[in-house]
Amino acid sequence: METVLGLEPWLGYLIVAAILTYTLSIGGWVLAKAGRSPLWILLLLVPYLNVIAFWAFAFARWPAVDGAAKGAARGP
C-alpha cells in the first residue's frame, strides 16, 4: 500500500510527526519569548479550541512587551 507521494505509510507518518514536532517546538519558543507558558502551544492540537487560543493570545496583555513599555515610559 502506498500513499499519495508514493511513500510507505510509516515514512509518511514519520514526516508528519517531524513537521508537527518542529512546529510545536518553535511555537513554544515564541510563547516563551512573549512571556507565556510554552505549554499553551498544546491548545493548537484541539480543534475549535485552537481558534480561541489564537484569539486569546493575540488580545491578551504581553508581559514581556508591557514590562518594556513601562520601563521606557519612566525614563532614565
PDB file of N, CA and C in Angstrom:
ATOM      1  N   MET A   1       0.845  -1.182   0.000  1.00  0.00           N
ATOM      2  CA  MET A   1       0.000   0.000   0.000  1.00  0.00           C
ATOM      3  C   MET A   1       0.889   1.243   0.000  1.00  0.00           C
ATOM      4  N   GLU A   2       0.602   2.172  -0.877  1.00  0.00           N
ATOM      5  CA  GLU A   2       1.385   3.390  -0.986  1.00  0.00           C
ATOM      6  C   GLU A   2       0.501   4.598  -0.731  1.00  0.00           C
ATOM      7  N   THR A   3       1.132   5.679  -0.306  1.00  0.00           N
ATOM      8  CA  THR A   3       0.410   6.924  -0.073  1.00  0.00           C
ATOM      9  C   THR A   3       0.407   7.759  -1.350  1.00  0.00           C
ATOM     10  N   VAL A   4      -0.071   8.973  -1.249  1.00  0.00           N
ATOM     11  CA  VAL A   4      -0.189   9.843  -2.413  1.00  0.00           C
ATOM     12  C   VAL A   4       1.177  10.121  -3.041  1.00  0.00           C
ATOM     13  N   LEU A   5       2.185  10.331  -2.232  1.00  0.00           N
ATOM     14  CA  LEU A   5       3.509  10.642  -2.750  1.00  0.00           C
ATOM     15  C   LEU A   5       4.301   9.400  -3.147  1.00  0.00           C
ATOM     16  N   GLY A   6       3.728   8.249  -3.018  1.00  0.00           N
ATOM     17  CA  GLY A   6       4.413   7.019  -3.362  1.00  0.00           C
ATOM     18  C   GLY A   6       5.318   6.518  -2.243  1.00  0.00           C
ATOM     19  N   LEU A   7       5.136   7.038  -1.038  1.00  0.00           N
ATOM     20  CA  LEU A   7       5.932   6.624   0.112  1.00  0.00           C
ATOM     21  C   LEU A   7       5.210   5.522   0.882  1.00  0.00           C
ATOM     22  N   GLU A   8       5.965   4.815   1.649  1.00  0.00           N
ATOM     23  CA  GLU A   8       5.356   3.846   2.553  1.00  0.00           C
ATOM     24  C   GLU A   8       4.604   4.605   3.644  1.00  0.00           C
ATOM     25  N   PRO A   9       3.524   4.048   4.181  1.00  0.00           N
ATOM     26  CA  PRO A   9       2.740   4.769   5.201  1.00  0.00           C
ATOM     27  C   PRO A   9       3.571   5.164   6.426  1.00  0.00           C
ATOM     28  N   TRP A  10       4.464   4.304   6.889  1.00  0.00           N
ATOM     29  CA  TRP A  10       5.241   4.634   8.084  1.00  0.00           C
ATOM     30  C   TRP A  10       6.159   5.828   7.825  1.00  0.00           C
ATOM     31  N   LEU A  11       6.652   5.958   6.608  1.00  0.00           N
ATOM     32  CA  LEU A  11       7.508   7.084   6.292  1.00  0.00           C
ATOM     33  C   LEU A  11       6.705   8.384   6.233  1.00  0.00           C
ATOM     34  N   GLY A  12       5.489   8.307   5.732  1.00  0.00           N
ATOM     35  CA  GLY A  12       4.608   9.476   5.734  1.00  0.00           C
ATOM     36  C   GLY A  12       4.282   9.925   7.147  1.00  0.00           C
ATOM     37  N   TYR A  13       3.998   8.965   8.037  1.00  0.00           N
ATOM     38  CA  TYR A  13       3.733   9.291   9.440  1.00  0.00           C
ATOM     39  C   TYR A  13       4.958   9.902  10.099  1.00  0.00           C
ATOM     40  N   LEU A  14       6.125   9.413   9.766  1.00  0.00           N
ATOM     41  CA  LEU A  14       7.365   9.949  10.323  1.00  0.00           C
ATOM     42  C   LEU A  14       7.586  11.390   9.874  1.00  0.00           C
ATOM     43  N   ILE A  15       7.308  11.683   8.626  1.00  0.00           N
ATOM     44  CA  ILE A  15       7.454  13.050   8.113  1.00  0.00           C
ATOM     45  C   ILE A  15       6.458  13.984   8.791  1.00  0.00           C
ATOM     46  N   VAL A  16       5.214  13.552   8.933  1.00  0.00           N
ATOM     47  CA  VAL A  16       4.199  14.371   9.593  1.00  0.00           C
ATOM     48  C   VAL A  16       4.577  14.611  11.052  1.00  0.00           C
ATOM     49  N   ALA A  17       5.067  13.590  11.734  1.00  0.00           N
ATOM     50  CA  ALA A  17       5.481  13.738  13.132  1.00  0.00           C
ATOM     51  C   ALA A  17       6.646  14.715  13.263  1.00  0.00           C
ATOM     52  N   ALA A  18       7.590  14.665  12.340  1.00  0.00           N
ATOM     53  CA  ALA A  18       8.733  15.583  12.384  1.00  0.00           C
ATOM     54  C   ALA A  18       8.278  17.023  12.167  1.00  0.00           C
ATOM     55  N   ILE A  19       7.392  17.239  11.218  1.00  0.00           N
ATOM     56  CA  ILE A  19       6.891  18.593  10.951  1.00  0.00           C
ATOM     57  C   ILE A  19       6.094  19.111  12.144  1.00  0.00           C
ATOM     58  N   LEU A  20       5.254  18.262  12.725  1.00  0.00           N
ATOM     59  CA  LEU A  20       4.454  18.655  13.880  1.00  0.00           C
ATOM     60  C   LEU A  20       5.337  18.977  15.084  1.00  0.00           C
ATOM     61  N   THR A  21       6.351  18.169  15.319  1.00  0.00           N
ATOM     62  CA  THR A  21       7.269  18.421  16.429  1.00  0.00           C
ATOM     63  C   THR A  21       8.012  19.737  16.236  1.00  0.00           C
ATOM     64  N   TYR A  22       8.480  19.983  15.025  1.00  0.00           N
ATOM     65  CA  TYR A  22       9.181  21.229  14.732  1.00  0.00           C
ATOM     66  C   TYR A  22       8.258  22.430  14.942  1.00  0.00           C
ATOM     67  N   THR A  23       7.042  22.354  14.441  1.00  0.00           N
ATOM     68  CA  THR A  23       6.094  23.457  14.557  1.00  0.00           C
ATOM     69  C   THR A  23       5.746  23.744  16.012  1.00  0.00           C
ATOM     70  N   LEU A  24       5.499  22.698  16.790  1.00  0.00           N
ATOM     71  CA  LEU A  24       5.150  22.892  18.193  1.00  0.00           C
ATOM     72  C   LEU A  24       6.326  23.435  19.000  1.00  0.00           C
ATOM     73  N   SER A  25       7.530  23.004  18.696  1.00  0.00           N
ATOM     74  CA  SER A  25       8.687  23.496  19.442  1.00  0.00           C
ATOM     75  C   SER A  25       8.960  24.964  19.124  1.00  0.00           C
ATOM     76  N   ILE A  26       8.838  25.363  17.871  1.00  0.00           N
ATOM     77  CA  ILE A  26       9.034  26.771  17.509  1.00  0.00           C
ATOM     78  C   ILE A  26       7.922  27.630  18.115  1.00  0.00           C
ATOM     79  N   GLY A  27       6.708  27.139  18.093  1.00  0.00           N
ATOM     80  CA  GLY A  27       5.600  27.879  18.709  1.00  0.00           C
ATOM     81  C   GLY A  27       5.786  28.031  20.206  1.00  0.00           C
ATOM     82  N   GLY A  28       6.276  26.997  20.872  1.00  0.00           N
ATOM     83  CA  GLY A  28       6.574  27.090  22.302  1.00  0.00           C
ATOM     84  C   GLY A  28       7.667  28.097  22.590  1.00  0.00           C
ATOM     85  N   TRP A  29       8.653  28.159  21.716  1.00  0.00           N
ATOM     86  CA  TRP A  29       9.733  29.130  21.872  1.00  0.00           C
ATOM     87  C   TRP A  29       9.192  30.556  21.738  1.00  0.00           C
ATOM     88  N   VAL A  30       8.301  30.775  20.779  1.00  0.00           N
ATOM     89  CA  VAL A  30       7.708  32.101  20.590  1.00  0.00           C
ATOM     90  C   VAL A  30       6.882  32.478  21.812  1.00  0.00           C
ATOM     91  N   LEU A  31       6.111  31.548  22.335  1.00  0.00           N
ATOM     92  CA  LEU A  31       5.313  31.830  23.524  1.00  0.00           C
ATOM     93  C   LEU A  31       6.196  32.164  24.718  1.00  0.00           C
ATOM     94  N   ALA A  32       7.294  31.448  24.880  1.00  0.00           N
ATOM     95  CA  ALA A  32       8.211  31.730  25.981  1.00  0.00           C
ATOM     96  C   ALA A  32       8.826  33.114  25.833  1.00  0.00           C
ATOM     97  N   LYS A  33       9.176  33.503  24.606  1.00  0.00           N
ATOM     98  CA  LYS A  33       9.735  34.835  24.372  1.00  0.00           C
ATOM     99  C   LYS A  33       8.700  35.926  24.653  1.00  0.00           C
ATOM    100  N   ALA A  34       7.429  35.607  24.489  1.00  0.00           N
ATOM    101  CA  ALA A  34       6.356  36.571  24.751  1.00  0.00           C
ATOM    102  C   ALA A  34       5.984  36.619  26.226  1.00  0.00           C
ATOM    103  N   GLY A  35       6.590  35.785  27.043  1.00  0.00           N
ATOM    104  CA  GLY A  35       6.309  35.791  28.472  1.00  0.00           C
ATOM    105  C   GLY A  35       5.185  34.873  28.884  1.00  0.00           C
ATOM    106  N   ARG A  36       4.794  33.966  28.028  1.00  0.00           N
ATOM    107  CA  ARG A  36       3.735  32.996  28.332  1.00  0.00           C
ATOM    108  C   ARG A  36       4.330  31.611  28.540  1.00  0.00           C
ATOM    109  N   SER A  37       3.529  30.715  29.073  1.00  0.00           N
ATOM    110  CA  SER A  37       3.974  29.337  29.241  1.00  0.00           C
ATOM    111  C   SER A  37       4.011  28.645  27.878  1.00  0.00           C
ATOM    112  N   PRO A  38       5.103  27.948  27.569  1.00  0.00           N
ATOM    113  CA  PRO A  38       5.169  27.238  26.283  1.00  0.00           C
ATOM    114  C   PRO A  38       4.138  26.118  26.150  1.00  0.00           C
ATOM    115  N   LEU A  39       3.544  25.705  27.245  1.00  0.00           N
ATOM    116  CA  LEU A  39       2.542  24.637  27.181  1.00  0.00           C
ATOM    117  C   LEU A  39       1.238  25.087  26.515  1.00  0.00           C
ATOM    118  N   TRP A  40       1.055  26.397  26.345  1.00  0.00           N
ATOM    119  CA  TRP A  40      -0.118  26.899  25.640  1.00  0.00           C
ATOM    120  C   TRP A  40      -0.171  26.378  24.219  1.00  0.00           C
ATOM    121  N   ILE A  41       0.963  26.016  23.667  1.00  0.00           N
ATOM    122  CA  ILE A  41       1.021  25.553  22.281  1.00  0.00           C
ATOM    123  C   ILE A  41       0.221  24.261  22.095  1.00  0.00           C
ATOM    124  N   LEU A  42       0.035  23.518  23.164  1.00  0.00           N
ATOM    125  CA  LEU A  42      -0.719  22.264  23.064  1.00  0.00           C
ATOM    126  C   LEU A  42      -2.192  22.504  22.742  1.00  0.00           C
ATOM    127  N   LEU A  43      -2.676  23.713  22.986  1.00  0.00           N
ATOM    128  CA  LEU A  43      -4.068  24.028  22.636  1.00  0.00           C
ATOM    129  C   LEU A  43      -4.287  24.022  21.127  1.00  0.00           C
ATOM    130  N   LEU A  44      -3.219  24.168  20.358  1.00  0.00           N
ATOM    131  CA  LEU A  44      -3.362  24.151  18.902  1.00  0.00           C
ATOM    132  C   LEU A  44      -3.710  22.766  18.370  1.00  0.00           C
ATOM    133  N   LEU A  45      -3.554  21.763  19.180  1.00  0.00           N
ATOM    134  CA  LEU A  45      -3.873  20.408  18.754  1.00  0.00           C
ATOM    135  C   LEU A  45      -5.356  20.071  18.898  1.00  0.00           C
ATOM    136  N   VAL A  46      -6.113  20.950  19.580  1.00  0.00           N
ATOM    137  CA  VAL A  46      -7.531  20.699  19.825  1.00  0.00           C
ATOM    138  C   VAL A  46      -8.359  21.508  18.834  1.00  0.00           C
ATOM    139  N   PRO A  47      -9.140  20.842  17.990  1.00  0.00           N
ATOM    140  CA  PRO A  47      -9.950  21.583  17.013  1.00  0.00           C
ATOM    141  C   PRO A  47     -10.919  22.547  17.690  1.00  0.00           C
ATOM    142  N   TYR A  48     -11.149  23.680  17.071  1.00  0.00           N
ATOM    143  CA  TYR A  48     -12.015  24.767  17.520  1.00  0.00           C
ATOM    144  C   TYR A  48     -11.436  25.507  18.730  1.00  0.00           C
ATOM    145  N   LEU A  49     -10.815  24.823  19.639  1.00  0.00           N
ATOM    146  CA  LEU A  49     -10.179  25.485  20.771  1.00  0.00           C
ATOM    147  C   LEU A  49      -8.935  26.236  20.308  1.00  0.00           C
ATOM    148  N   ASN A  50      -8.326  25.778  19.224  1.00  0.00           N
ATOM    149  CA  ASN A  50      -7.141  26.455  18.713  1.00  0.00           C
ATOM    150  C   ASN A  50      -7.460  27.869  18.227  1.00  0.00           C
ATOM    151  N   VAL A  51      -8.636  28.080  17.659  1.00  0.00           N
ATOM    152  CA  VAL A  51      -9.023  29.412  17.202  1.00  0.00           C
ATOM    153  C   VAL A  51      -9.191  30.343  18.401  1.00  0.00           C
ATOM    154  N   ILE A  52      -9.802  29.842  19.455  1.00  0.00           N
ATOM    155  CA  ILE A  52      -9.986  30.632  20.666  1.00  0.00           C
ATOM    156  C   ILE A  52      -8.637  30.935  21.305  1.00  0.00           C
ATOM    157  N   ALA A  53      -7.722  29.968  21.282  1.00  0.00           N
ATOM    158  CA  ALA A  53      -6.397  30.189  21.852  1.00  0.00           C
ATOM    159  C   ALA A  53      -5.638  31.254  21.073  1.00  0.00           C
ATOM    160  N   PHE A  54      -5.709  31.228  19.742  1.00  0.00           N
ATOM    161  CA  PHE A  54      -5.084  32.278  18.935  1.00  0.00           C
ATOM    162  C   PHE A  54      -5.666  33.645  19.282  1.00  0.00           C
ATOM    163  N   TRP A  55      -6.972  33.729  19.397  1.00  0.00           N
ATOM    164  CA  TRP A  55      -7.636  34.978  19.707  1.00  0.00           C
ATOM    165  C   TRP A  55      -7.224  35.481  21.088  1.00  0.00           C
ATOM    166  N   ALA A  56      -7.217  34.596  22.085  1.00  0.00           N
ATOM    167  CA  ALA A  56      -6.837  34.987  23.443  1.00  0.00           C
ATOM    168  C   ALA A  56      -5.380  35.439  23.488  1.00  0.00           C
ATOM    169  N   PHE A  57      -4.519  34.761  22.769  1.00  0.00           N
ATOM    170  CA  PHE A  57      -3.102  35.126  22.759  1.00  0.00           C
ATOM    171  C   PHE A  57      -2.889  36.473  22.076  1.00  0.00           C
ATOM    172  N   ALA A  58      -3.625  36.736  21.020  1.00  0.00           N
ATOM    173  CA  ALA A  58      -3.441  37.978  20.274  1.00  0.00           C
ATOM    174  C   ALA A  58      -3.898  39.195  21.060  1.00  0.00           C
ATOM    175  N   PHE A  59      -4.966  39.066  21.833  1.00  0.00           N
ATOM    176  CA  PHE A  59      -5.532  40.217  22.514  1.00  0.00           C
ATOM    177  C   PHE A  59      -5.214  40.275  24.006  1.00  0.00           C
ATOM    178  N   ALA A  60      -4.445  39.350  24.518  1.00  0.00           N
ATOM    179  CA  ALA A  60      -4.060  39.365  25.930  1.00  0.00           C
ATOM    180  C   ALA A  60      -2.901  40.325  26.141  1.00  0.00           C
ATOM    181  N   ARG A  61      -2.673  40.683  27.386  1.00  0.00           N
ATOM    182  CA  ARG A  61      -1.507  41.512  27.719  1.00  0.00           C
ATOM    183  C   ARG A  61      -0.261  40.672  27.548  1.00  0.00           C
ATOM    184  N   TRP A  62       0.791  41.274  27.014  1.00  0.00           N
ATOM    185  CA  TRP A  62       2.049  40.585  26.802  1.00  0.00           C
ATOM    186  C   TRP A  62       3.022  41.064  27.869  1.00  0.00           C
ATOM    187  N   PRO A  63       3.350  40.219  28.853  1.00  0.00           N
ATOM    188  CA  PRO A  63       4.224  40.654  29.944  1.00  0.00           C
ATOM    189  C   PRO A  63       5.581  41.169  29.463  1.00  0.00           C
ATOM    190  N   ALA A  64       6.165  40.549  28.480  1.00  0.00           N
ATOM    191  CA  ALA A  64       7.483  40.978  28.002  1.00  0.00           C
ATOM    192  C   ALA A  64       7.399  42.351  27.344  1.00  0.00           C
ATOM    193  N   VAL A  65       6.349  42.609  26.591  1.00  0.00           N
ATOM    194  CA  VAL A  65       6.199  43.887  25.892  1.00  0.00           C
ATOM    195  C   VAL A  65       5.723  44.971  26.853  1.00  0.00           C
ATOM    196  N   ASP A  66       4.743  44.674  27.697  1.00  0.00           N
ATOM    197  CA  ASP A  66       4.220  45.667  28.624  1.00  0.00           C
ATOM    198  C   ASP A  66       5.262  46.082  29.646  1.00  0.00           C
ATOM    199  N   GLY A  67       6.092  45.156  30.090  1.00  0.00           N
ATOM    200  CA  GLY A  67       7.147  45.480  31.039  1.00  0.00           C
ATOM    201  C   GLY A  67       8.194  46.396  30.419  1.00  0.00           C
ATOM    202  N   ALA A  68       8.530  46.177  29.171  1.00  0.00           N
ATOM    203  CA  ALA A  68       9.498  47.039  28.483  1.00  0.00           C
ATOM    204  C   ALA A  68       8.916  48.417  28.252  1.00  0.00           C
ATOM    205  N   ALA A  69       7.635  48.516  27.966  1.00  0.00           N
ATOM    206  CA  ALA A  69       6.993  49.807  27.726  1.00  0.00           C
ATOM    207  C   ALA A  69       6.938  50.619  29.010  1.00  0.00           C
ATOM    208  N   LYS A  70       6.704  49.979  30.141  1.00  0.00           N
ATOM    209  CA  LYS A  70       6.667  50.687  31.424  1.00  0.00           C
ATOM    210  C   LYS A  70       8.043  51.235  31.773  1.00  0.00           C
ATOM    211  N   GLY A  71       9.068  50.441  31.498  1.00  0.00           N
ATOM    212  CA  GLY A  71      10.437  50.887  31.773  1.00  0.00           C
ATOM    213  C   GLY A  71      10.826  52.059  30.893  1.00  0.00           C
ATOM    214  N   ALA A  72      10.410  52.057  29.658  1.00  0.00           N
ATOM    215  CA  ALA A  72      10.738  53.146  28.731  1.00  0.00           C
ATOM    216  C   ALA A  72       9.962  54.411  29.075  1.00  0.00           C
ATOM    217  N   ALA A  73       8.771  54.276  29.618  1.00  0.00           N
ATOM    218  CA  ALA A  73       7.953  55.447  29.952  1.00  0.00           C
ATOM    219  C   ALA A  73       8.503  56.184  31.154  1.00  0.00           C
ATOM    220  N   ARG A  74       9.165  55.475  32.067  1.00  0.00           N
ATOM    221  CA  ARG A  74       9.736  56.109  33.251  1.00  0.00           C
ATOM    222  C   ARG A  74      10.961  56.948  32.936  1.00  0.00           C
ATOM    223  N   GLY A  75      11.669  56.557  31.912  1.00  0.00           N
ATOM    224  CA  GLY A  75      12.873  57.292  31.527  1.00  0.00           C
ATOM    225  C   GLY A  75      14.080  56.816  32.294  1.00  0.00           C
ATOM    226  N   PRO A  76      15.233  57.485  32.105  1.00  0.00           N
ATOM    227  CA  PRO A  76      16.465  57.032  32.767  1.00  0.00           C
ATOM    228  C   PRO A  76      16.538  57.384  34.222  1.00  0.00           C
TER     229      PRO A  76
END
